[in-house]
Amino acid sequence: MAIYLGASEHSVRLYASRGDIPAFKVGGRWRFYLSDVRAHLTRVTPAWHQSNQSRGRSRLS
């Protein structure tokens, strides 16, 4: 998956654990369905969509 995404293995594990890409664990190792990852990455999101990372941050007024 790291080669497909053009990212390091560490980054891919981080994306999976944060839920940024669809994945599941089997025997403590991350597994991916390429079709699910492709669909997830090519889906259209509204411009106002808030990322998982920024969703937990508080707003400064």
N, C-alpha and C. Protein backbone atom coordinates (compact mmCIF):
# COMPACT_ATOMS: atom_id res chain seq x y z
N MET A 1 0.82 -1.18 0.00
CA MET A 1 0.00 0.00 0.00
C MET A 1 0.87 1.25 0.00
N ALA A 2 2.02 1.19 0.67
CA ALA A 2 2.91 2.35 0.71
C ALA A 2 3.37 2.73 -0.70
N ILE A 3 3.69 1.74 -1.51
CA ILE A 3 4.12 2.02 -2.88
C ILE A 3 2.97 2.63 -3.68
N TYR A 4 1.78 2.07 -3.55
CA TYR A 4 0.62 2.58 -4.28
C TYR A 4 0.33 4.03 -3.91
N LEU A 5 0.43 4.36 -2.63
CA LEU A 5 0.14 5.71 -2.16
C LEU A 5 1.33 6.66 -2.31
N GLY A 6 2.51 6.11 -2.56
CA GLY A 6 3.70 6.94 -2.66
C GLY A 6 4.07 7.55 -1.32
N ALA A 7 3.89 6.78 -0.27
CA ALA A 7 4.16 7.24 1.09
C ALA A 7 5.00 6.20 1.81
N SER A 8 5.55 6.58 2.95
CA SER A 8 6.33 5.63 3.74
C SER A 8 5.39 4.64 4.43
N GLU A 9 5.94 3.51 4.84
CA GLU A 9 5.14 2.52 5.56
C GLU A 9 4.63 3.11 6.87
N HIS A 10 5.45 3.90 7.52
CA HIS A 10 5.04 4.55 8.77
C HIS A 10 3.82 5.45 8.53
N SER A 11 3.85 6.24 7.46
CA SER A 11 2.73 7.13 7.14
C SER A 11 1.46 6.34 6.87
N VAL A 12 1.58 5.24 6.14
CA VAL A 12 0.41 4.42 5.82
C VAL A 12 -0.20 3.85 7.10
N ARG A 13 0.65 3.37 8.02
CA ARG A 13 0.13 2.87 9.30
C ARG A 13 -0.57 3.98 10.07
N LEU A 14 -0.02 5.18 10.03
CA LEU A 14 -0.64 6.32 10.70
C LEU A 14 -1.98 6.66 10.07
N TYR A 15 -2.05 6.71 8.74
CA TYR A 15 -3.32 6.98 8.05
C TYR A 15 -4.38 5.94 8.42
N ALA A 16 -3.96 4.68 8.47
CA ALA A 16 -4.90 3.60 8.80
C ALA A 16 -5.40 3.73 10.23
N SER A 17 -4.49 4.00 11.16
CA SER A 17 -4.90 4.09 12.57
C SER A 17 -5.80 5.30 12.83
N ARG A 18 -5.61 6.38 12.07
CA ARG A 18 -6.46 7.57 12.22
C ARG A 18 -7.77 7.44 11.47
N GLY A 19 -7.89 6.44 10.62
CA GLY A 19 -9.11 6.26 9.84
C GLY A 19 -9.12 7.08 8.57
N ASP A 20 -7.97 7.60 8.16
CA ASP A 20 -7.90 8.40 6.94
C ASP A 20 -8.00 7.54 5.69
N ILE A 21 -7.63 6.27 5.78
CA ILE A 21 -7.83 5.31 4.69
C ILE A 21 -8.46 4.06 5.30
N PRO A 22 -9.34 3.39 4.54
CA PRO A 22 -9.99 2.19 5.07
C PRO A 22 -9.00 1.04 5.23
N ALA A 23 -8.98 0.46 6.41
CA ALA A 23 -8.07 -0.65 6.70
C ALA A 23 -8.60 -1.45 7.88
N PHE A 24 -8.04 -2.61 8.09
CA PHE A 24 -8.41 -3.44 9.24
C PHE A 24 -7.19 -4.23 9.66
N LYS A 25 -7.21 -4.73 10.87
CA LYS A 25 -6.08 -5.48 11.39
C LYS A 25 -6.39 -6.98 11.43
N VAL A 26 -5.40 -7.77 11.06
CA VAL A 26 -5.45 -9.22 11.18
C VAL A 26 -4.15 -9.63 11.83
N GLY A 27 -4.25 -10.22 13.00
CA GLY A 27 -3.05 -10.66 13.70
C GLY A 27 -2.08 -9.53 14.01
N GLY A 28 -2.61 -8.34 14.26
CA GLY A 28 -1.78 -7.20 14.60
C GLY A 28 -1.17 -6.48 13.41
N ARG A 29 -1.48 -6.92 12.19
CA ARG A 29 -0.93 -6.28 10.99
C ARG A 29 -2.05 -5.62 10.20
N TRP A 30 -1.79 -4.44 9.67
CA TRP A 30 -2.78 -3.71 8.88
C TRP A 30 -2.98 -4.39 7.53
N ARG A 31 -4.24 -4.49 7.12
CA ARG A 31 -4.60 -5.05 5.82
C ARG A 31 -5.49 -4.04 5.10
N PHE A 32 -5.41 -4.06 3.79
CA PHE A 32 -6.15 -3.10 2.97
C PHE A 32 -6.77 -3.82 1.79
N TYR A 33 -7.95 -3.36 1.39
CA TYR A 33 -8.54 -3.77 0.12
C TYR A 33 -8.27 -2.61 -0.83
N LEU A 34 -7.50 -2.86 -1.88
CA LEU A 34 -7.13 -1.81 -2.81
C LEU A 34 -8.36 -1.12 -3.38
N SER A 35 -9.40 -1.87 -3.67
CA SER A 35 -10.62 -1.27 -4.23
C SER A 35 -11.26 -0.30 -3.24
N ASP A 36 -11.24 -0.61 -1.95
CA ASP A 36 -11.79 0.29 -0.94
C ASP A 36 -10.95 1.57 -0.81
N VAL A 37 -9.64 1.41 -0.85
CA VAL A 37 -8.75 2.58 -0.75
C VAL A 37 -8.93 3.48 -1.97
N ARG A 38 -8.98 2.88 -3.15
CA ARG A 38 -9.20 3.67 -4.38
C ARG A 38 -10.52 4.43 -4.31
N ALA A 39 -11.58 3.76 -3.91
CA ALA A 39 -12.89 4.41 -3.82
C ALA A 39 -12.87 5.53 -2.79
N HIS A 40 -12.20 5.31 -1.68
CA HIS A 40 -12.12 6.31 -0.62
C HIS A 40 -11.36 7.55 -1.11
N LEU A 41 -10.27 7.34 -1.82
CA LEU A 41 -9.43 8.45 -2.26
C LEU A 41 -10.02 9.21 -3.44
N THR A 42 -10.90 8.59 -4.21
CA THR A 42 -11.47 9.26 -5.38
C THR A 42 -12.87 9.80 -5.14
N ARG A 43 -13.39 9.62 -3.93
CA ARG A 43 -14.74 10.14 -3.66
C ARG A 43 -14.71 11.66 -3.63
N VAL A 44 -15.82 12.25 -3.98
CA VAL A 44 -15.93 13.71 -3.99
C VAL A 44 -16.49 14.16 -2.65
N THR A 45 -15.80 15.10 -2.03
CA THR A 45 -16.28 15.65 -0.76
C THR A 45 -16.60 17.12 -0.95
N PRO A 46 -17.59 17.62 -0.24
CA PRO A 46 -17.93 19.04 -0.35
C PRO A 46 -16.76 19.92 0.10
N ALA A 47 -16.68 21.12 -0.44
CA ALA A 47 -15.58 22.03 -0.11
C ALA A 47 -15.56 22.36 1.38
N TRP A 48 -16.70 22.33 2.04
CA TRP A 48 -16.77 22.67 3.45
C TRP A 48 -16.49 21.49 4.36
N HIS A 49 -16.21 20.31 3.79
CA HIS A 49 -15.96 19.10 4.59
C HIS A 49 -14.73 19.28 5.48
N GLN A 50 -14.87 18.94 6.73
CA GLN A 50 -13.78 19.08 7.70
C GLN A 50 -13.02 17.77 7.82
N SER A 51 -11.71 17.82 7.79
CA SER A 51 -10.90 16.61 7.86
C SER A 51 -10.96 16.00 9.25
N ASN A 52 -10.64 14.70 9.34
CA ASN A 52 -10.58 14.03 10.64
C ASN A 52 -9.58 14.71 11.56
N GLN A 53 -8.47 15.16 10.99
CA GLN A 53 -7.42 15.77 11.80
C GLN A 53 -7.87 17.09 12.40
N SER A 54 -8.57 17.92 11.63
CA SER A 54 -8.96 19.23 12.16
C SER A 54 -10.26 19.17 12.95
N ARG A 55 -11.00 18.08 12.84
CA ARG A 55 -12.29 17.98 13.54
C ARG A 55 -12.13 18.10 15.05
N GLY A 56 -11.02 17.62 15.61
CA GLY A 56 -10.83 17.65 17.04
C GLY A 56 -10.28 18.96 17.58
N ARG A 57 -9.85 19.84 16.70
CA ARG A 57 -9.28 21.11 17.13
C ARG A 57 -10.35 22.11 17.49
N SER A 58 -10.05 22.93 18.47
CA SER A 58 -11.02 23.97 18.84
C SER A 58 -10.77 25.21 18.00
N ARG A 59 -11.79 26.01 17.87
CA ARG A 59 -11.73 27.20 17.06
C ARG A 59 -11.34 28.40 17.91
N LEU A 60 -10.49 29.23 17.39
CA LEU A 60 -10.12 30.46 18.07
C LEU A 60 -11.01 31.59 17.58
N SER A 61 -11.60 32.33 18.51
CA SER A 61 -12.50 33.43 18.10
C SER A 61 -11.87 34.75 18.40
